[in-house]
C-alpha atoms as a PDB file:
ATOM      1  CA  MET A   1     -12.848  22.673   5.343  1.00  0.00           C
ATOM      2  CA  LEU A   2      -9.499  24.437   5.194  1.00  0.00           C
ATOM      3  CA  SER A   3      -9.287  26.203   8.494  1.00  0.00           C
ATOM      4  CA  GLN A   4      -9.174  29.897   9.083  1.00  0.00           C
ATOM      5  CA  ASN A   5      -7.201  28.829  12.155  1.00  0.00           C
ATOM      6  CA  ASN A   6      -6.596  32.301  13.627  1.00  0.00           C
ATOM      7  CA  ASN A   7      -4.366  30.580  16.188  1.00  0.00           C
ATOM      8  CA  SER A   8      -7.330  28.965  17.944  1.00  0.00           C
ATOM      9  CA  PRO A   9      -7.077  25.301  18.859  1.00  0.00           C
ATOM     10  CA  VAL A  10      -9.153  22.763  17.001  1.00  0.00           C
ATOM     11  CA  ILE A  11     -10.940  21.776  20.194  1.00  0.00           C
ATOM     12  CA  GLN A  12     -12.582  25.179  20.394  1.00  0.00           C
ATOM     13  CA  GLY A  13     -13.553  24.823  16.756  1.00  0.00           C
ATOM     14  CA  VAL A  14     -15.612  21.722  17.538  1.00  0.00           C
ATOM     15  CA  GLY A  15     -17.270  23.270  20.582  1.00  0.00           C
ATOM     16  CA  GLU A  16     -15.023  21.827  23.283  1.00  0.00           C
ATOM     17  CA  ASP A  17     -12.370  23.469  25.400  1.00  0.00           C
ATOM     18  CA  ALA A  18      -8.955  22.163  26.294  1.00  0.00           C
ATOM     19  CA  GLU A  19      -9.953  21.506  29.912  1.00  0.00           C
ATOM     20  CA  THR A  20     -12.735  19.143  28.849  1.00  0.00           C
ATOM     21  CA  LEU A  21     -10.304  17.282  26.611  1.00  0.00           C
ATOM     22  CA  GLN A  22      -7.777  17.034  29.437  1.00  0.00           C
ATOM     23  CA  ARG A  23     -10.456  15.659  31.794  1.00  0.00           C
ATOM     24  CA  LEU A  24     -11.449  13.072  29.183  1.00  0.00           C
ATOM     25  CA  LEU A  25      -7.817  12.027  28.736  1.00  0.00           C
ATOM     26  CA  ILE A  26      -7.301  11.709  32.485  1.00  0.00           C
ATOM     27  CA  SER A  27     -10.440   9.545  32.680  1.00  0.00           C
ATOM     28  CA  ALA A  28      -9.247   7.466  29.716  1.00  0.00           C
ATOM     29  CA  LYS A  29      -5.878   7.089  31.381  1.00  0.00           C
ATOM     30  CA  ARG A  30      -7.701   5.586  34.381  1.00  0.00           C
ATOM     31  CA  GLY A  31      -9.327   3.003  32.100  1.00  0.00           C
ATOM     32  CA  ASP A  32     -12.540   4.778  31.051  1.00  0.00           C
ATOM     33  CA  THR A  33     -12.997   3.519  27.476  1.00  0.00           C
ATOM     34  CA  LYS A  34     -16.041   5.748  26.912  1.00  0.00           C
ATOM     35  CA  ALA A  35     -13.886   8.810  27.684  1.00  0.00           C
ATOM     36  CA  PHE A  36     -11.309   7.626  25.146  1.00  0.00           C
ATOM     37  CA  GLY A  37     -14.129   7.136  22.631  1.00  0.00           C
ATOM     38  CA  ASP A  38     -15.102  10.775  23.192  1.00  0.00           C
ATOM     39  CA  VAL A  39     -11.480  11.844  22.654  1.00  0.00           C
ATOM     40  CA  TYR A  40     -11.443   9.805  19.450  1.00  0.00           C
ATOM     41  CA  THR A  41     -14.653  11.445  18.203  1.00  0.00           C
ATOM     42  CA  ARG A  42     -13.366  14.950  18.920  1.00  0.00           C
ATOM     43  CA  LEU A  43      -9.894  14.539  17.408  1.00  0.00           C
ATOM     44  CA  PHE A  44     -10.507  12.198  14.474  1.00  0.00           C
ATOM     45  CA  THR A  45     -11.502  14.812  11.858  1.00  0.00           C
ATOM     46  CA  PRO A  46      -8.438  17.104  12.100  1.00  0.00           C
ATOM     47  CA  LEU A  47      -6.160  14.061  12.236  1.00  0.00           C
ATOM     48  CA  TYR A  48      -7.884  12.502   9.212  1.00  0.00           C
ATOM     49  CA  ARG A  49      -7.562  15.711   7.146  1.00  0.00           C
ATOM     50  CA  TYR A  50      -3.899  16.045   8.014  1.00  0.00           C
ATOM     51  CA  VAL A  51      -3.045  12.416   7.221  1.00  0.00           C
ATOM     52  CA  LEU A  52      -5.061  12.529   3.979  1.00  0.00           C
ATOM     53  CA  SER A  53      -3.146  15.647   2.928  1.00  0.00           C
ATOM     54  CA  ARG A  54       0.070  13.655   3.350  1.00  0.00           C
ATOM     55  CA  CYS A  55      -0.804  10.331   1.707  1.00  0.00           C
ATOM     56  CA  HIS A  56      -3.830  11.050  -0.569  1.00  0.00           C
ATOM     57  CA  SER A  57      -5.425   7.634  -0.117  1.00  0.00           C
ATOM     58  CA  LYS A  58      -8.589   7.120   1.908  1.00  0.00           C
ATOM     59  CA  GLU A  59      -7.690   3.533   2.767  1.00  0.00           C
ATOM     60  CA  ILE A  60      -4.156   4.358   3.909  1.00  0.00           C
ATOM     61  CA  THR A  61      -5.433   7.430   5.771  1.00  0.00           C
ATOM     62  CA  GLU A  62      -7.981   5.352   7.654  1.00  0.00           C
ATOM     63  CA  ASP A  63      -5.333   2.737   8.511  1.00  0.00           C
ATOM     64  CA  ILE A  64      -2.870   5.353   9.761  1.00  0.00           C
ATOM     65  CA  CYS A  65      -5.550   7.169  11.774  1.00  0.00           C
ATOM     66  CA  GLN A  66      -6.676   3.916  13.401  1.00  0.00           C
ATOM     67  CA  GLN A  67      -3.087   2.947  14.171  1.00  0.00           C
ATOM     68  CA  THR A  68      -2.414   6.431  15.554  1.00  0.00           C
ATOM     69  CA  PHE A  69      -5.308   6.183  17.989  1.00  0.00           C
ATOM     70  CA  LEU A  70      -4.346   2.633  18.919  1.00  0.00           C
ATOM     71  CA  ASN A  71      -0.772   3.755  19.655  1.00  0.00           C
ATOM     72  CA  PHE A  72      -2.135   6.756  21.574  1.00  0.00           C
ATOM     73  CA  TYR A  73      -4.391   4.474  23.642  1.00  0.00           C
ATOM     74  CA  GLU A  74      -1.517   2.086  24.360  1.00  0.00           C
ATOM     75  CA  ALA A  75       0.685   5.029  25.426  1.00  0.00           C
ATOM     76  CA  LEU A  76      -1.927   6.581  27.745  1.00  0.00           C
ATOM     77  CA  ALA A  77      -0.157   5.221  30.813  1.00  0.00           C
ATOM     78  CA  SER A  78       2.885   7.378  30.018  1.00  0.00           C
ATOM     79  CA  TYR A  79       0.905  10.369  28.683  1.00  0.00           C
ATOM     80  CA  LYS A  80       1.348  13.502  30.782  1.00  0.00           C
ATOM     81  CA  PRO A  81      -1.824  15.632  30.969  1.00  0.00           C
ATOM     82  CA  GLU A  82       0.134  18.887  30.615  1.00  0.00           C
ATOM     83  CA  LYS A  83       1.225  17.895  27.093  1.00  0.00           C
ATOM     84  CA  HIS A  84      -0.754  19.232  24.147  1.00  0.00           C
ATOM     85  CA  PRO A  85      -2.962  16.245  23.262  1.00  0.00           C
ATOM     86  CA  LEU A  86      -3.130  17.160  19.573  1.00  0.00           C
ATOM     87  CA  ALA A  87       0.629  17.591  19.368  1.00  0.00           C
ATOM     88  CA  TYR A  88       1.087  14.202  21.044  1.00  0.00           C
ATOM     89  CA  LEU A  89      -1.399  12.564  18.662  1.00  0.00           C
ATOM     90  CA  PHE A  90       0.068  14.235  15.571  1.00  0.00           C
ATOM     91  CA  THR A  91       3.592  13.217  16.609  1.00  0.00           C
ATOM     92  CA  ILE A  92       2.444   9.589  16.557  1.00  0.00           C
ATOM     93  CA  ALA A  93       0.771  10.118  13.167  1.00  0.00           C
ATOM     94  CA  ARG A  94       3.891  11.770  11.724  1.00  0.00           C
ATOM     95  CA  ARG A  95       6.025   8.781  12.732  1.00  0.00           C
ATOM     96  CA  LEU A  96       3.567   6.394  11.114  1.00  0.00           C
ATOM     97  CA  LEU A  97       3.506   8.541   7.964  1.00  0.00           C
ATOM     98  CA  ILE A  98       7.294   8.626   7.813  1.00  0.00           C
ATOM     99  CA  ASN A  99       7.372   4.825   8.052  1.00  0.00           C
ATOM    100  CA  HIS A 100       4.696   4.547   5.357  1.00  0.00           C
ATOM    101  CA  HIS A 101       6.495   6.955   3.013  1.00  0.00           C
ATOM    102  CA  GLN A 102       9.771   5.133   3.454  1.00  0.00           C
ATOM    103  CA  LYS A 103       8.048   1.979   2.242  1.00  0.00           C
ATOM    104  CA  ASN A 104       6.163   3.699  -0.607  1.00  0.00           C
ATOM    105  CA  LYS A 105       8.069   6.575  -2.119  1.00  0.00           C
ATOM    106  CA  SER A 106       5.795   7.917  -4.875  1.00  0.00           C
ATOM    107  CA  VAL A 107       2.175   8.935  -4.334  1.00  0.00           C
ATOM    108  CA  SER A 108       0.090  10.928  -6.814  1.00  0.00           C
ATOM    109  CA  PHE A 109      -2.437  13.647  -6.011  1.00  0.00           C
ATOM    110  CA  ASP A 110      -5.864  12.303  -5.180  1.00  0.00           C
ATOM    111  CA  GLU A 111      -8.871  14.520  -5.775  1.00  0.00           C
ATOM    112  CA  THR A 112     -10.578  13.004  -2.719  1.00  0.00           C
ATOM    113  CA  ILE A 113      -8.632  15.475  -0.568  1.00  0.00           C
ATOM    114  CA  LEU A 114     -11.010  18.119  -1.858  1.00  0.00           C
ATOM    115  CA  GLU A 115     -13.951  16.189  -0.383  1.00  0.00           C
ATOM    116  CA  THR A 116     -12.575  16.732   3.127  1.00  0.00           C
ATOM    117  CA  VAL A 117     -12.844  20.513   2.822  1.00  0.00           C
ATOM    118  CA  HIS A 118     -16.644  20.483   2.459  1.00  0.00           C
ATOM    119  CA  ASP A 119     -18.715  22.393   5.033  1.00  0.00           C
ATOM    120  CA  GLU A 120     -22.482  22.428   4.594  1.00  0.00           C
ATOM    121  CA  SER A 121     -22.803  25.877   6.151  1.00  0.00           C
ATOM    122  CA  VAL A 122     -20.633  27.430   3.445  1.00  0.00           C
ATOM    123  CA  ASP A 123     -22.402  28.960   0.460  1.00  0.00           C
ATOM    124  CA  ILE A 124     -21.569  27.742  -3.042  1.00  0.00           C
ATOM    125  CA  ILE A 125     -19.271  30.649  -3.939  1.00  0.00           C
ATOM    126  CA  GLU A 126     -17.201  30.289  -0.804  1.00  0.00           C
ATOM    127  CA  GLU A 127     -17.156  26.507  -1.248  1.00  0.00           C
ATOM    128  CA  THR A 128     -15.864  26.896  -4.801  1.00  0.00           C
ATOM    129  CA  HIS A 129     -13.195  29.303  -3.574  1.00  0.00           C
ATOM    130  CA  ILE A 130     -12.118  26.817  -0.886  1.00  0.00           C
ATOM    131  CA  HIS A 131     -11.914  23.970  -3.426  1.00  0.00           C
ATOM    132  CA  LEU A 132      -9.816  26.106  -5.765  1.00  0.00           C
ATOM    133  CA  LEU A 133      -7.587  27.231  -2.922  1.00  0.00           C
ATOM    134  CA  ALA A 134      -7.081  23.641  -1.737  1.00  0.00           C
ATOM    135  CA  HIS A 135      -6.280  22.559  -5.297  1.00  0.00           C
ATOM    136  CA  HIS A 136      -3.745  25.379  -5.751  1.00  0.00           C
ATOM    137  CA  VAL A 137      -2.129  24.689  -2.386  1.00  0.00           C
ATOM    138  CA  MET A 138      -1.814  20.983  -3.177  1.00  0.00           C
ATOM    139  CA  THR A 139      -0.526  21.765  -6.672  1.00  0.00           C
ATOM    140  CA  HIS A 140       2.270  24.006  -5.391  1.00  0.00           C
ATOM    141  CA  ILE A 141       3.018  22.463  -1.995  1.00  0.00           C
ATOM    142  CA  ALA A 142       5.616  20.110  -3.465  1.00  0.00           C
ATOM    143  CA  SER A 143       7.730  23.183  -4.272  1.00  0.00           C
ATOM    144  CA  LEU A 144       8.105  23.950  -0.570  1.00  0.00           C
ATOM    145  CA  THR A 145      10.733  22.487   1.728  1.00  0.00           C
ATOM    146  CA  GLU A 146       9.686  19.530   3.868  1.00  0.00           C
ATOM    147  CA  ASP A 147       9.459  21.750   6.964  1.00  0.00           C
ATOM    148  CA  GLU A 148       7.303  24.277   5.126  1.00  0.00           C
ATOM    149  CA  GLN A 149       5.004  21.547   3.804  1.00  0.00           C
ATOM    150  CA  GLU A 150       4.637  20.060   7.250  1.00  0.00           C
ATOM    151  CA  VAL A 151       3.808  23.394   8.912  1.00  0.00           C
ATOM    152  CA  ILE A 152       1.219  24.248   6.225  1.00  0.00           C
ATOM    153  CA  ARG A 153      -0.397  20.813   6.548  1.00  0.00           C
ATOM    154  CA  LEU A 154      -0.449  20.856  10.345  1.00  0.00           C
ATOM    155  CA  TYR A 155      -1.780  24.422  10.512  1.00  0.00           C
ATOM    156  CA  TYR A 156      -4.398  24.388   7.755  1.00  0.00           C
ATOM    157  CA  PHE A 157      -5.380  20.729   7.416  1.00  0.00           C
ATOM    158  CA  GLY A 158      -4.723  19.569  10.978  1.00  0.00           C
ATOM    159  CA  GLU A 159      -5.832  22.906  12.464  1.00  0.00           C
ATOM    160  CA  LEU A 160      -3.141  22.813  15.138  1.00  0.00           C
ATOM    161  CA  THR A 161      -2.078  25.992  16.937  1.00  0.00           C
ATOM    162  CA  TYR A 162       1.463  27.350  16.689  1.00  0.00           C
ATOM    163  CA  ASP A 163       2.225  25.876  20.126  1.00  0.00           C
ATOM    164  CA  GLU A 164       0.917  22.453  19.136  1.00  0.00           C
ATOM    165  CA  ILE A 165       2.912  22.498  15.887  1.00  0.00           C
ATOM    166  CA  ALA A 166       6.046  23.609  17.748  1.00  0.00           C
ATOM    167  CA  THR A 167       5.608  20.721  20.174  1.00  0.00           C
ATOM    168  CA  THR A 168       4.941  18.240  17.361  1.00  0.00           C
ATOM    169  CA  LEU A 169       7.987  19.349  15.346  1.00  0.00           C
ATOM    170  CA  THR A 170      10.163  19.955  18.432  1.00  0.00           C
ATOM    171  CA  THR A 171      11.008  23.551  17.636  1.00  0.00           C
ATOM    172  CA  SER A 172      10.046  27.006  18.861  1.00  0.00           C
ATOM    173  CA  ASN A 173       6.766  28.810  18.339  1.00  0.00           C
ATOM    174  CA  ALA A 174       8.653  31.698  16.691  1.00  0.00           C
ATOM    175  CA  ASN A 175      10.336  29.319  14.244  1.00  0.00           C
ATOM    176  CA  ILE A 176       6.963  27.831  13.260  1.00  0.00           C
ATOM    177  CA  ARG A 177       5.618  31.332  12.568  1.00  0.00           C
ATOM    178  CA  LYS A 178       8.636  32.138  10.383  1.00  0.00           C
ATOM    179  CA  ILE A 179       8.350  28.870   8.458  1.00  0.00           C
ATOM    180  CA  LYS A 180       4.618  29.423   7.874  1.00  0.00           C
ATOM    181  CA  GLU A 181       5.158  33.015   6.744  1.00  0.00           C
ATOM    182  CA  ARG A 182       7.939  31.957   4.350  1.00  0.00           C
ATOM    183  CA  ALA A 183       5.823  29.096   2.977  1.00  0.00           C
ATOM    184  CA  LEU A 184       2.823  31.367   2.367  1.00  0.00           C
ATOM    185  CA  LYS A 185       5.012  33.888   0.542  1.00  0.00           C
ATOM    186  CA  LYS A 186       6.344  31.111  -1.680  1.00  0.00           C
ATOM    187  CA  LEU A 187       2.835  29.816  -2.349  1.00  0.00           C
ATOM    188  CA  ARG A 188       1.655  33.321  -3.300  1.00  0.00           C
ATOM    189  CA  VAL A 189       4.553  33.724  -5.726  1.00  0.00           C
ATOM    190  CA  LEU A 190       3.988  30.264  -7.206  1.00  0.00           C
ATOM    191  CA  TYR A 191       0.268  30.955  -7.568  1.00  0.00           C
ATOM    192  CA  THR A 192       0.814  34.301  -9.322  1.00  0.00           C
ATOM    193  CA  GLN A 193       3.326  32.704 -11.697  1.00  0.00           C
ATOM    194  CA  ASN A 194       1.144  29.626 -12.385  1.00  0.00           C
ATOM    195  CA  PRO A 195      -2.496  30.305 -11.445  1.00  0.00           C
END
């Protein structure tokens, strides 16, 4: 489902707090593969939605997600627990996506992205609204700058906080807020001109 992020981290959205995630990562860093499996389970969905929003292919998304977690696992020895784990993970995914896009320049919109915004607890009217919103966002997102697209994808599809996005994109929290605000204004204008 497209997040109503409200600046809350994804971990809270799936019923876990950041401390639990940090403990799991520290255990995984010490060689506990079950702890890393728990990290994988908790972080896979937001990563999958974000990657799918960038490449629109289930197969490529699954490959990139698997490679992201493999790279993350291999880098655990150098991972510092004070880093935002989602920002660290999404930084790896962004690099893999950049490499993929450099190899394959043109990708068309895939309706399967709409399948990832399904939430069984949402009633049919709200679900329809979310599908329409996702379609309109994906229709007009190409009109945004690369930075604006990335912030919108990380915030709404990846459900990262402003701090996590700032860390991932190596910029300030205030800059991320400005980029998001500017992107949303553009999307509103584009939607009103071409609903």
